[in-house]
PDB file of all heavy atoms in Angstrom:
ATOM      1  N   PRO A   1     -42.920  72.668-239.297  1.00  0.00           N
ATOM      2  CA  PRO A   1     -41.935  73.524-238.631  1.00  0.00           C
ATOM      3  C   PRO A   1     -42.218  74.995-238.958  1.00  0.00           C
ATOM      4  O   PRO A   1     -42.781  75.317-240.004  1.00  0.00           O
ATOM      5  CB  PRO A   1     -40.597  73.102-239.240  1.00  0.00           C
ATOM      6  CG  PRO A   1     -40.860  71.856-240.002  1.00  0.00           C
ATOM      7  CD  PRO A   1     -42.322  71.802-240.293  1.00  0.00           C
ATOM      8  N   LEU A   2     -41.843  75.864-238.056  1.00  0.00           N
ATOM      9  CA  LEU A   2     -42.042  77.289-238.259  1.00  0.00           C
ATOM     10  C   LEU A   2     -40.840  77.913-238.949  1.00  0.00           C
ATOM     11  O   LEU A   2     -39.723  77.429-238.823  1.00  0.00           O
ATOM     12  CB  LEU A   2     -42.252  77.977-236.910  1.00  0.00           C
ATOM     13  CG  LEU A   2     -43.432  77.487-236.085  1.00  0.00           C
ATOM     14  CD1 LEU A   2     -43.416  78.142-234.711  1.00  0.00           C
ATOM     15  CD2 LEU A   2     -44.742  77.761-236.796  1.00  0.00           C
ATOM     16  N   VAL A   3     -41.085  79.004-239.650  1.00  0.00           N
ATOM     17  CA  VAL A   3     -39.991  79.762-240.258  1.00  0.00           C
ATOM     18  C   VAL A   3     -39.572  80.859-239.286  1.00  0.00           C
ATOM     19  O   VAL A   3     -40.296  81.194-238.337  1.00  0.00           O
ATOM     20  CB  VAL A   3     -40.386  80.356-241.628  1.00  0.00           C
ATOM     21  CG1 VAL A   3     -40.701  79.245-242.618  1.00  0.00           C
ATOM     22  CG2 VAL A   3     -41.554  81.306-241.509  1.00  0.00           C
ATOM     23  N   TYR A   4     -38.419  81.436-239.528  1.00  0.00           N
ATOM     24  CA  TYR A   4     -37.835  82.417-238.623  1.00  0.00           C
ATOM     25  C   TYR A   4     -38.787  83.577-238.323  1.00  0.00           C
ATOM     26  O   TYR A   4     -38.930  83.982-237.166  1.00  0.00           O
ATOM     27  CB  TYR A   4     -36.521  82.940-239.212  1.00  0.00           C
ATOM     28  CG  TYR A   4     -35.887  84.006-238.367  1.00  0.00           C
ATOM     29  CD1 TYR A   4     -35.193  83.673-237.205  1.00  0.00           C
ATOM     30  CD2 TYR A   4     -36.002  85.352-238.713  1.00  0.00           C
ATOM     31  CE1 TYR A   4     -34.617  84.647-236.414  1.00  0.00           C
ATOM     32  CE2 TYR A   4     -35.426  86.335-237.915  1.00  0.00           C
ATOM     33  CZ  TYR A   4     -34.740  85.980-236.778  1.00  0.00           C
ATOM     34  OH  TYR A   4     -34.175  86.949-235.998  1.00  0.00           O
ATOM     35  N   THR A   5     -39.439  84.116-239.337  1.00  0.00           N
ATOM     36  CA  THR A   5     -40.325  85.263-239.117  1.00  0.00           C
ATOM     37  C   THR A   5     -41.507  84.897-238.218  1.00  0.00           C
ATOM     38  O   THR A   5     -41.956  85.722-237.425  1.00  0.00           O
ATOM     39  CB  THR A   5     -40.840  85.849-240.442  1.00  0.00           C
ATOM     40  OG1 THR A   5     -41.459  84.803-241.206  1.00  0.00           O
ATOM     41  CG2 THR A   5     -39.706  86.459-241.246  1.00  0.00           C
ATOM     42  N   GLU A   6     -41.995  83.675-238.329  1.00  0.00           N
ATOM     43  CA  GLU A   6     -43.075  83.229-237.450  1.00  0.00           C
ATOM     44  C   GLU A   6     -42.596  83.143-236.006  1.00  0.00           C
ATOM     45  O   GLU A   6     -43.309  83.544-235.085  1.00  0.00           O
ATOM     46  CB  GLU A   6     -43.611  81.873-237.905  1.00  0.00           C
ATOM     47  CG  GLU A   6     -44.363  81.920-239.212  1.00  0.00           C
ATOM     48  CD  GLU A   6     -44.760  80.551-239.714  1.00  0.00           C
ATOM     49  OE1 GLU A   6     -43.922  79.618-239.643  1.00  0.00           O
ATOM     50  OE2 GLU A   6     -45.902  80.415-240.178  1.00  0.00           O
ATOM     51  N   ILE A   7     -41.400  82.636-235.819  1.00  0.00           N
ATOM     52  CA  ILE A   7     -40.836  82.519-234.475  1.00  0.00           C
ATOM     53  C   ILE A   7     -40.680  83.897-233.842  1.00  0.00           C
ATOM     54  O   ILE A   7     -41.016  84.094-232.671  1.00  0.00           O
ATOM     55  CB  ILE A   7     -39.500  81.753-234.510  1.00  0.00           C
ATOM     56  CG1 ILE A   7     -39.760  80.297-234.905  1.00  0.00           C
ATOM     57  CG2 ILE A   7     -38.778  81.839-233.160  1.00  0.00           C
ATOM     58  CD1 ILE A   7     -38.515  79.497-235.230  1.00  0.00           C
ATOM     59  N   GLU A   8     -40.228  84.863-234.616  1.00  0.00           N
ATOM     60  CA  GLU A   8     -40.101  86.232-234.105  1.00  0.00           C
ATOM     61  C   GLU A   8     -41.466  86.800-233.726  1.00  0.00           C
ATOM     62  O   GLU A   8     -41.614  87.460-232.697  1.00  0.00           O
ATOM     63  CB  GLU A   8     -39.409  87.130-235.135  1.00  0.00           C
ATOM     64  CG  GLU A   8     -37.947  86.793-235.332  1.00  0.00           C
ATOM     65  CD  GLU A   8     -37.149  86.945-234.039  1.00  0.00           C
ATOM     66  OE1 GLU A   8     -37.245  88.003-233.386  1.00  0.00           O
ATOM     67  OE2 GLU A   8     -36.432  85.994-233.673  1.00  0.00           O
ATOM     68  N   SER A   9     -42.483  86.536-234.528  1.00  0.00           N
ATOM     69  CA  SER A   9     -43.839  87.007-234.228  1.00  0.00           C
ATOM     70  C   SER A   9     -44.384  86.358-232.961  1.00  0.00           C
ATOM     71  O   SER A   9     -45.076  87.002-232.162  1.00  0.00           O
ATOM     72  CB  SER A   9     -44.773  86.716-235.403  1.00  0.00           C
ATOM     73  OG  SER A   9     -44.382  87.444-236.539  1.00  0.00           O
ATOM     74  N   ILE A  10     -44.071  85.085-232.780  1.00  0.00           N
ATOM     75  CA  ILE A  10     -44.520  84.367-231.579  1.00  0.00           C
ATOM     76  C   ILE A  10     -43.862  84.954-230.344  1.00  0.00           C
ATOM     77  O   ILE A  10     -44.510  85.128-229.300  1.00  0.00           O
ATOM     78  CB  ILE A  10     -44.244  82.861-231.709  1.00  0.00           C
ATOM     79  CG1 ILE A  10     -45.159  82.267-232.789  1.00  0.00           C
ATOM     80  CG2 ILE A  10     -44.435  82.142-230.380  1.00  0.00           C
ATOM     81  CD1 ILE A  10     -44.763  80.892-233.242  1.00  0.00           C
ATOM     82  N   ARG A  11     -42.616  85.300-230.441  1.00  0.00           N
ATOM     83  CA  ARG A  11     -41.927  85.919-229.297  1.00  0.00           C
ATOM     84  C   ARG A  11     -42.572  87.246-228.931  1.00  0.00           C
ATOM     85  O   ARG A  11     -42.705  87.573-227.749  1.00  0.00           O
ATOM     86  CB  ARG A  11     -40.450  86.094-229.616  1.00  0.00           C
ATOM     87  CG  ARG A  11     -39.718  84.771-229.624  1.00  0.00           C
ATOM     88  CD  ARG A  11     -38.243  84.932-229.832  1.00  0.00           C
ATOM     89  NE  ARG A  11     -37.609  83.625-229.793  1.00  0.00           N
ATOM     90  CZ  ARG A  11     -36.605  83.256-230.573  1.00  0.00           C
ATOM     91  NH1 ARG A  11     -36.114  84.106-231.457  1.00  0.00           N
ATOM     92  NH2 ARG A  11     -36.094  82.057-230.477  1.00  0.00           N
ATOM     93  N   ALA A  12     -43.011  88.003-229.927  1.00  0.00           N
ATOM     94  CA  ALA A  12     -43.714  89.257-229.653  1.00  0.00           C
ATOM     95  C   ALA A  12     -45.064  88.975-228.998  1.00  0.00           C
ATOM     96  O   ALA A  12     -45.475  89.700-228.079  1.00  0.00           O
ATOM     97  CB  ALA A  12     -43.889  90.048-230.945  1.00  0.00           C
ATOM     98  N   LEU A  13     -45.749  87.928-229.451  1.00  0.00           N
ATOM     99  CA  LEU A  13     -47.034  87.550-228.846  1.00  0.00           C
ATOM    100  C   LEU A  13     -46.870  87.226-227.369  1.00  0.00           C
ATOM    101  O   LEU A  13     -47.731  87.563-226.554  1.00  0.00           O
ATOM    102  CB  LEU A  13     -47.609  86.315-229.546  1.00  0.00           C
ATOM    103  CG  LEU A  13     -48.533  86.501-230.712  1.00  0.00           C
ATOM    104  CD1 LEU A  13     -48.943  85.150-231.291  1.00  0.00           C
ATOM    105  CD2 LEU A  13     -49.750  87.303-230.346  1.00  0.00           C
ATOM    106  N   GLU A  14     -45.781  86.567-227.039  1.00  0.00           N
ATOM    107  CA  GLU A  14     -45.521  86.187-225.639  1.00  0.00           C
ATOM    108  C   GLU A  14     -45.436  87.418-224.736  1.00  0.00           C
ATOM    109  O   GLU A  14     -45.777  87.343-223.558  1.00  0.00           O
ATOM    110  CB  GLU A  14     -44.219  85.397-225.521  1.00  0.00           C
ATOM    111  CG  GLU A  14     -44.307  83.994-226.031  1.00  0.00           C
ATOM    112  CD  GLU A  14     -43.000  83.245-225.877  1.00  0.00           C
ATOM    113  OE1 GLU A  14     -42.025  83.596-226.572  1.00  0.00           O
ATOM    114  OE2 GLU A  14     -42.962  82.313-225.055  1.00  0.00           O
ATOM    115  N   ASP A  15     -44.980  88.536-225.297  1.00  0.00           N
ATOM    116  CA  ASP A  15     -44.878  89.770-224.515  1.00  0.00           C
ATOM    117  C   ASP A  15     -46.229  90.453-224.338  1.00  0.00           C
ATOM    118  O   ASP A  15     -46.402  91.252-223.433  1.00  0.00           O
ATOM    119  CB  ASP A  15     -43.913  90.754-225.187  1.00  0.00           C
ATOM    120  CG  ASP A  15     -42.474  90.258-225.180  1.00  0.00           C
ATOM    121  OD1 ASP A  15     -42.135  89.423-224.311  1.00  0.00           O
ATOM    122  OD2 ASP A  15     -41.701  90.702-226.043  1.00  0.00           O
ATOM    123  N   GLU A  16     -47.178  90.132-225.219  1.00  0.00           N
ATOM    124  CA  GLU A  16     -48.457  90.839-225.235  1.00  0.00           C
ATOM    125  C   GLU A  16     -49.612  90.055-224.602  1.00  0.00           C
ATOM    126  O   GLU A  16     -50.597  90.659-224.174  1.00  0.00           O
ATOM    127  CB  GLU A  16     -48.842  91.168-226.674  1.00  0.00           C
ATOM    128  CG  GLU A  16     -47.857  92.074-227.380  1.00  0.00           C
ATOM    129  CD  GLU A  16     -48.129  92.193-228.864  1.00  0.00           C
ATOM    130  OE1 GLU A  16     -49.231  91.821-229.312  1.00  0.00           O
ATOM    131  OE2 GLU A  16     -47.227  92.654-229.575  1.00  0.00           O
ATOM    132  N   HIS A  17     -49.511  88.724-224.579  1.00  0.00           N
ATOM    133  CA  HIS A  17     -50.642  87.907-224.149  1.00  0.00           C
ATOM    134  C   HIS A  17     -50.178  86.764-223.247  1.00  0.00           C
ATOM    135  O   HIS A  17     -49.073  86.249-223.405  1.00  0.00           O
ATOM    136  CB  HIS A  17     -51.359  87.304-225.366  1.00  0.00           C
ATOM    137  CG  HIS A  17     -51.900  88.346-226.292  1.00  0.00           C
ATOM    138  ND1 HIS A  17     -53.057  89.037-226.035  1.00  0.00           N
ATOM    139  CD2 HIS A  17     -51.422  88.823-227.469  1.00  0.00           C
ATOM    140  CE1 HIS A  17     -53.277  89.889-227.019  1.00  0.00           C
ATOM    141  NE2 HIS A  17     -52.300  89.785-227.898  1.00  0.00           N
ATOM    142  N   PRO A  18     -51.045  86.325-222.334  1.00  0.00           N
ATOM    143  CA  PRO A  18     -50.698  85.183-221.482  1.00  0.00           C
ATOM    144  C   PRO A  18     -50.612  83.889-222.296  1.00  0.00           C
ATOM    145  O   PRO A  18     -51.281  83.729-223.320  1.00  0.00           O
ATOM    146  CB  PRO A  18     -51.853  85.093-220.481  1.00  0.00           C
ATOM    147  CG  PRO A  18     -52.767  86.212-220.761  1.00  0.00           C
ATOM    148  CD  PRO A  18     -52.344  86.897-222.009  1.00  0.00           C
ATOM    149  N   TYR A  19     -49.800  82.989-221.816  1.00  0.00           N
ATOM    150  CA  TYR A  19     -49.575  81.694-222.467  1.00  0.00           C
ATOM    151  C   TYR A  19     -50.890  80.982-222.774  1.00  0.00           C
ATOM    152  O   TYR A  19     -51.089  80.480-223.879  1.00  0.00           O
ATOM    153  CB  TYR A  19     -48.695  80.821-221.560  1.00  0.00           C
ATOM    154  CG  TYR A  19     -48.439  79.434-222.098  1.00  0.00           C
ATOM    155  CD1 TYR A  19     -47.319  79.185-222.879  1.00  0.00           C
ATOM    156  CD2 TYR A  19     -49.311  78.377-221.819  1.00  0.00           C
ATOM    157  CE1 TYR A  19     -47.073  77.911-223.376  1.00  0.00           C
ATOM    158  CE2 TYR A  19     -49.070  77.107-222.323  1.00  0.00           C
ATOM    159  CZ  TYR A  19     -47.951  76.886-223.093  1.00  0.00           C
ATOM    160  OH  TYR A  19     -47.718  75.625-223.589  1.00  0.00           O
ATOM    161  N   GLU A  20     -51.790  80.937-221.806  1.00  0.00           N
ATOM    162  CA  GLU A  20     -53.041  80.190-221.971  1.00  0.00           C
ATOM    163  C   GLU A  20     -53.893  80.745-223.108  1.00  0.00           C
ATOM    164  O   GLU A  20     -54.532  80.000-223.842  1.00  0.00           O
ATOM    165  CB  GLU A  20     -53.851  80.187-220.668  1.00  0.00           C
ATOM    166  CG  GLU A  20     -53.201  79.437-219.539  1.00  0.00           C
ATOM    167  CD  GLU A  20     -52.143  80.260-218.800  1.00  0.00           C
ATOM    168  OE1 GLU A  20     -51.996  81.478-219.080  1.00  0.00           O
ATOM    169  OE2 GLU A  20     -51.449  79.682-217.946  1.00  0.00           O
ATOM    170  N   ARG A  21     -53.912  82.065-223.249  1.00  0.00           N
ATOM    171  CA  ARG A  21     -54.678  82.691-224.326  1.00  0.00           C
ATOM    172  C   ARG A  21     -54.089  82.314-225.689  1.00  0.00           C
ATOM    173  O   ARG A  21     -54.809  81.995-226.628  1.00  0.00           O
ATOM    174  CB  ARG A  21     -54.692  84.206-224.154  1.00  0.00           C
ATOM    175  CG  ARG A  21     -55.533  84.908-225.211  1.00  0.00           C
ATOM    176  CD  ARG A  21     -55.471  86.416-225.084  1.00  0.00           C
ATOM    177  NE  ARG A  21     -56.006  86.840-223.798  1.00  0.00           N
ATOM    178  CZ  ARG A  21     -55.638  87.951-223.170  1.00  0.00           C
ATOM    179  NH1 ARG A  21     -54.745  88.756-223.706  1.00  0.00           N
ATOM    180  NH2 ARG A  21     -56.174  88.274-222.015  1.00  0.00           N
ATOM    181  N   ILE A  22     -52.769  82.357-225.782  1.00  0.00           N
ATOM    182  CA  ILE A  22     -52.111  82.019-227.049  1.00  0.00           C
ATOM    183  C   ILE A  22     -52.344  80.554-227.387  1.00  0.00           C
ATOM    184  O   ILE A  22     -52.669  80.218-228.531  1.00  0.00           O
ATOM    185  CB  ILE A  22     -50.601  82.328-226.979  1.00  0.00           C
ATOM    186  CG1 ILE A  22     -50.377  83.831-226.737  1.00  0.00           C
ATOM    187  CG2 ILE A  22     -49.901  81.876-228.259  1.00  0.00           C
ATOM    188  CD1 ILE A  22     -48.948  84.196-226.390  1.00  0.00           C
ATOM    189  N   GLU A  23     -52.197  79.696-226.399  1.00  0.00           N
ATOM    190  CA  GLU A  23     -52.405  78.266-226.614  1.00  0.00           C
ATOM    191  C   GLU A  23     -53.834  77.998-227.105  1.00  0.00           C
ATOM    192  O   GLU A  23     -54.052  77.227-228.041  1.00  0.00           O
ATOM    193  CB  GLU A  23     -52.124  77.504-225.326  1.00  0.00           C
ATOM    194  CG  GLU A  23     -52.233  76.008-225.470  1.00  0.00           C
ATOM    195  CD  GLU A  23     -51.957  75.294-224.162  1.00  0.00           C
ATOM    196  OE1 GLU A  23     -52.394  75.784-223.098  1.00  0.00           O
ATOM    197  OE2 GLU A  23     -51.313  74.243-224.214  1.00  0.00           O
ATOM    198  N   TYR A  24     -54.803  78.641-226.485  1.00  0.00           N
ATOM    199  CA  TYR A  24     -56.199  78.507-226.904  1.00  0.00           C
ATOM    200  C   TYR A  24     -56.378  78.982-228.348  1.00  0.00           C
ATOM    201  O   TYR A  24     -57.030  78.317-229.159  1.00  0.00           O
ATOM    202  CB  TYR A  24     -57.097  79.316-225.963  1.00  0.00           C
ATOM    203  CG  TYR A  24     -58.539  79.335-226.382  1.00  0.00           C
ATOM    204  CD1 TYR A  24     -59.395  78.295-226.034  1.00  0.00           C
ATOM    205  CD2 TYR A  24     -59.046  80.392-227.127  1.00  0.00           C
ATOM    206  CE1 TYR A  24     -60.730  78.309-226.426  1.00  0.00           C
ATOM    207  CE2 TYR A  24     -60.376  80.410-227.519  1.00  0.00           C
ATOM    208  CZ  TYR A  24     -61.207  79.371-227.168  1.00  0.00           C
ATOM    209  OH  TYR A  24     -62.521  79.384-227.554  1.00  0.00           O
ATOM    210  N   ALA A  25     -55.776  80.117-228.685  1.00  0.00           N
ATOM    211  CA  ALA A  25     -55.902  80.667-230.035  1.00  0.00           C
ATOM    212  C   ALA A  25     -55.259  79.750-231.079  1.00  0.00           C
ATOM    213  O   ALA A  25     -55.775  79.610-232.192  1.00  0.00           O
ATOM    214  CB  ALA A  25     -55.279  82.054-230.086  1.00  0.00           C
ATOM    215  N   VAL A  26     -54.162  79.106-230.729  1.00  0.00           N
ATOM    216  CA  VAL A  26     -53.528  78.150-231.645  1.00  0.00           C
ATOM    217  C   VAL A  26     -54.458  76.963-231.889  1.00  0.00           C
ATOM    218  O   VAL A  26     -54.622  76.512-233.031  1.00  0.00           O
ATOM    219  CB  VAL A  26     -52.152  77.673-231.105  1.00  0.00           C
ATOM    220  CG1 VAL A  26     -51.613  76.507-231.936  1.00  0.00           C
ATOM    221  CG2 VAL A  26     -51.159  78.816-231.086  1.00  0.00           C
ATOM    222  N   ARG A  27     -55.082  76.465-230.838  1.00  0.00           N
ATOM    223  CA  ARG A  27     -56.024  75.351-231.000  1.00  0.00           C
ATOM    224  C   ARG A  27     -57.188  75.751-231.904  1.00  0.00           C
ATOM    225  O   ARG A  27     -57.596  74.985-232.780  1.00  0.00           O
ATOM    226  CB  ARG A  27     -56.546  74.884-229.635  1.00  0.00           C
ATOM    227  CG  ARG A  27     -55.540  74.098-228.828  1.00  0.00           C
ATOM    228  CD  ARG A  27     -56.182  73.354-227.648  1.00  0.00           C
ATOM    229  NE  ARG A  27     -57.144  74.127-226.903  1.00  0.00           N
ATOM    230  CZ  ARG A  27     -56.877  74.850-225.815  1.00  0.00           C
ATOM    231  NH1 ARG A  27     -55.643  74.897-225.340  1.00  0.00           N
ATOM    232  NH2 ARG A  27     -57.836  75.507-225.190  1.00  0.00           N
ATOM    233  N   GLN A  28     -57.695  76.960-231.693  1.00  0.00           N
ATOM    234  CA  GLN A  28     -58.795  77.441-232.534  1.00  0.00           C
ATOM    235  C   GLN A  28     -58.357  77.544-233.991  1.00  0.00           C
ATOM    236  O   GLN A  28     -59.087  77.142-234.899  1.00  0.00           O
ATOM    237  CB  GLN A  28     -59.292  78.815-232.043  1.00  0.00           C
ATOM    238  CG  GLN A  28     -59.957  78.787-230.714  1.00  0.00           C
ATOM    239  CD  GLN A  28     -61.269  78.006-230.752  1.00  0.00           C
ATOM    240  OE1 GLN A  28     -61.831  77.723-231.796  1.00  0.00           O
ATOM    241  NE2 GLN A  28     -61.750  77.638-229.597  1.00  0.00           N
ATOM    242  N   ALA A  29     -57.188  78.091-234.218  1.00  0.00           N
ATOM    243  CA  ALA A  29     -56.672  78.241-235.581  1.00  0.00           C
ATOM    244  C   ALA A  29     -56.519  76.879-236.259  1.00  0.00           C
ATOM    245  O   ALA A  29     -56.898  76.709-237.425  1.00  0.00           O
ATOM    246  CB  ALA A  29     -55.326  78.973-235.559  1.00  0.00           C
ATOM    247  N   ALA A  30     -55.992  75.918-235.526  1.00  0.00           N
ATOM    248  CA  ALA A  30     -55.805  74.578-236.087  1.00  0.00           C
ATOM    249  C   ALA A  30     -57.145  73.932-236.427  1.00  0.00           C
ATOM    250  O   ALA A  30     -57.301  73.337-237.497  1.00  0.00           O
ATOM    251  CB  ALA A  30     -55.013  73.704-235.117  1.00  0.00           C
ATOM    252  N   GLU A  31     -58.117  74.071-235.532  1.00  0.00           N
ATOM    253  CA  GLU A  31     -59.433  73.482-235.777  1.00  0.00           C
ATOM    254  C   GLU A  31     -60.123  74.093-236.990  1.00  0.00           C
ATOM    255  O   GLU A  31     -60.848  73.411-237.715  1.00  0.00           O
ATOM    256  CB  GLU A  31     -60.332  73.671-234.548  1.00  0.00           C
ATOM    257  CG  GLU A  31     -59.946  72.796-233.380  1.00  0.00           C
ATOM    258  CD  GLU A  31     -60.766  73.086-232.128  1.00  0.00           C
ATOM    259  OE1 GLU A  31     -61.817  73.761-232.228  1.00  0.00           O
ATOM    260  OE2 GLU A  31     -60.348  72.638-231.047  1.00  0.00           O
ATOM    261  N   LEU A  32     -59.883  75.382-237.219  1.00  0.00           N
ATOM    262  CA  LEU A  32     -60.511  76.079-238.340  1.00  0.00           C
ATOM    263  C   LEU A  32     -59.646  76.083-239.600  1.00  0.00           C
ATOM    264  O   LEU A  32     -59.994  76.713-240.593  1.00  0.00           O
ATOM    265  CB  LEU A  32     -60.830  77.527-237.932  1.00  0.00           C
ATOM    266  CG  LEU A  32     -61.826  77.671-236.788  1.00  0.00           C
ATOM    267  CD1 LEU A  32     -61.889  79.117-236.323  1.00  0.00           C
ATOM    268  CD2 LEU A  32     -63.201  77.175-237.221  1.00  0.00           C
ATOM    269  N   ASN A  33     -58.507  75.378-239.533  1.00  0.00           N
ATOM    270  CA  ASN A  33     -57.562  75.305-240.646  1.00  0.00           C
ATOM    271  C   ASN A  33     -57.065  76.696-241.056  1.00  0.00           C
ATOM    272  O   ASN A  33     -56.909  76.990-242.229  1.00  0.00           O
ATOM    273  CB  ASN A  33     -58.161  74.563-241.836  1.00  0.00           C
ATOM    274  CG  ASN A  33     -57.095  74.016-242.757  1.00  0.00           C
ATOM    275  OD1 ASN A  33     -55.980  73.729-242.326  1.00  0.00           O
ATOM    276  ND2 ASN A  33     -57.426  73.884-244.028  1.00  0.00           N
ATOM    277  N   LYS A  34     -56.845  77.554-240.072  1.00  0.00           N
ATOM    278  CA  LYS A  34     -56.327  78.908-240.269  1.00  0.00           C
ATOM    279  C   LYS A  34     -54.939  78.972-239.632  1.00  0.00           C
ATOM    280  O   LYS A  34     -54.703  79.708-238.688  1.00  0.00           O
ATOM    281  CB  LYS A  34     -57.244  79.950-239.620  1.00  0.00           C
ATOM    282  CG  LYS A  34     -58.664  79.890-240.065  1.00  0.00           C
ATOM    283  CD  LYS A  34     -58.814  80.521-241.415  1.00  0.00           C
ATOM    284  CE  LYS A  34     -60.297  80.608-241.772  1.00  0.00           C
ATOM    285  NZ  LYS A  34     -60.510  81.210-243.058  1.00  0.00           N
ATOM    286  N   ARG A  35     -54.043  78.207-240.137  1.00  0.00           N
ATOM    287  CA  ARG A  35     -52.740  78.008-239.501  1.00  0.00           C
ATOM    288  C   ARG A  35     -51.740  79.107-239.848  1.00  0.00           C
ATOM    289  O   ARG A  35     -50.796  78.890-240.603  1.00  0.00           O
ATOM    290  CB  ARG A  35     -52.217  76.626-239.866  1.00  0.00           C
ATOM    291  CG  ARG A  35     -53.081  75.516-239.276  1.00  0.00           C
ATOM    292  CD  ARG A  35     -52.641  74.143-239.716  1.00  0.00           C
ATOM    293  NE  ARG A  35     -53.357  73.138-238.978  1.00  0.00           N
ATOM    294  CZ  ARG A  35     -54.360  72.439-239.492  1.00  0.00           C
ATOM    295  NH1 ARG A  35     -54.760  72.660-240.720  1.00  0.00           N
ATOM    296  NH2 ARG A  35     -54.973  71.532-238.754  1.00  0.00           N
ATOM    297  N   SER A  36     -51.971  80.288-239.273  1.00  0.00           N
ATOM    298  CA  SER A  36     -51.019  81.381-239.437  1.00  0.00           C
ATOM    299  C   SER A  36     -50.866  82.099-238.100  1.00  0.00           C
ATOM    300  O   SER A  36     -51.809  82.176-237.312  1.00  0.00           O
ATOM    301  CB  SER A  36     -51.475  82.369-240.517  1.00  0.00           C
ATOM    302  OG  SER A  36     -52.512  83.196-240.048  1.00  0.00           O
ATOM    303  N   VAL A  37     -49.682  82.612-237.878  1.00  0.00           N
ATOM    304  CA  VAL A  37     -49.413  83.331-236.640  1.00  0.00           C
ATOM    305  C   VAL A  37     -50.273  84.593-236.595  1.00  0.00           C
ATOM    306  O   VAL A  37     -50.776  84.966-235.538  1.00  0.00           O
ATOM    307  CB  VAL A  37     -47.914  83.672-236.508  1.00  0.00           C
ATOM    308  CG1 VAL A  37     -47.648  84.511-235.269  1.00  0.00           C
ATOM    309  CG2 VAL A  37     -47.088  82.396-236.463  1.00  0.00           C
ATOM    310  N   ARG A  38     -50.486  85.219-237.730  1.00  0.00           N
ATOM    311  CA  ARG A  38     -51.322  86.424-237.773  1.00  0.00           C
ATOM    312  C   ARG A  38     -52.750  86.112-237.320  1.00  0.00           C
ATOM    313  O   ARG A  38     -53.361  86.884-236.593  1.00  0.00           O
ATOM    314  CB  ARG A  38     -51.318  87.007-239.193  1.00  0.00           C
ATOM    315  CG  ARG A  38     -52.148  88.249-239.333  1.00  0.00           C
ATOM    316  CD  ARG A  38     -51.537  89.429-238.592  1.00  0.00           C
ATOM    317  NE  ARG A  38     -52.437  90.570-238.711  1.00  0.00           N
ATOM    318  CZ  ARG A  38     -52.844  91.308-237.709  1.00  0.00           C
ATOM    319  NH1 ARG A  38     -52.408  91.070-236.497  1.00  0.00           N
ATOM    320  NH2 ARG A  38     -53.666  92.305-237.885  1.00  0.00           N
ATOM    321  N   TYR A  39     -53.295  84.980-237.723  1.00  0.00           N
ATOM    322  CA  TYR A  39     -54.635  84.598-237.285  1.00  0.00           C
ATOM    323  C   TYR A  39     -54.662  84.418-235.772  1.00  0.00           C
ATOM    324  O   TYR A  39     -55.586  84.870-235.099  1.00  0.00           O
ATOM    325  CB  TYR A  39     -55.080  83.312-237.986  1.00  0.00           C
ATOM    326  CG  TYR A  39     -56.512  82.955-237.684  1.00  0.00           C
ATOM    327  CD1 TYR A  39     -57.547  83.452-238.471  1.00  0.00           C
ATOM    328  CD2 TYR A  39     -56.829  82.133-236.611  1.00  0.00           C
ATOM    329  CE1 TYR A  39     -58.866  83.141-238.186  1.00  0.00           C
ATOM    330  CE2 TYR A  39     -58.146  81.818-236.314  1.00  0.00           C
ATOM    331  CZ  TYR A  39     -59.161  82.324-237.107  1.00  0.00           C
ATOM    332  OH  TYR A  39     -60.462  82.028-236.818  1.00  0.00           O
ATOM    333  N   VAL A  40     -53.644  83.771-235.233  1.00  0.00           N
ATOM    334  CA  VAL A  40     -53.558  83.572-233.782  1.00  0.00           C
ATOM    335  C   VAL A  40     -53.470  84.923-233.081  1.00  0.00           C
ATOM    336  O   VAL A  40     -54.137  85.151-232.073  1.00  0.00           O
ATOM    337  CB  VAL A  40     -52.356  82.672-233.429  1.00  0.00           C
ATOM    338  CG1 VAL A  40     -52.118  82.620-231.926  1.00  0.00           C
ATOM    339  CG2 VAL A  40     -52.554  81.267-233.984  1.00  0.00           C
TER     340      VAL A  40
END
């Protein structure tokens, strides 16, 4: 589960980048075991 600050950061990401780009970046982060919103 995400913490509140991560959720707020994700909402900011939604304003800056298209959904598909963010989704791709999350997959990349998970594959590389870099599971942070900042990495995404």
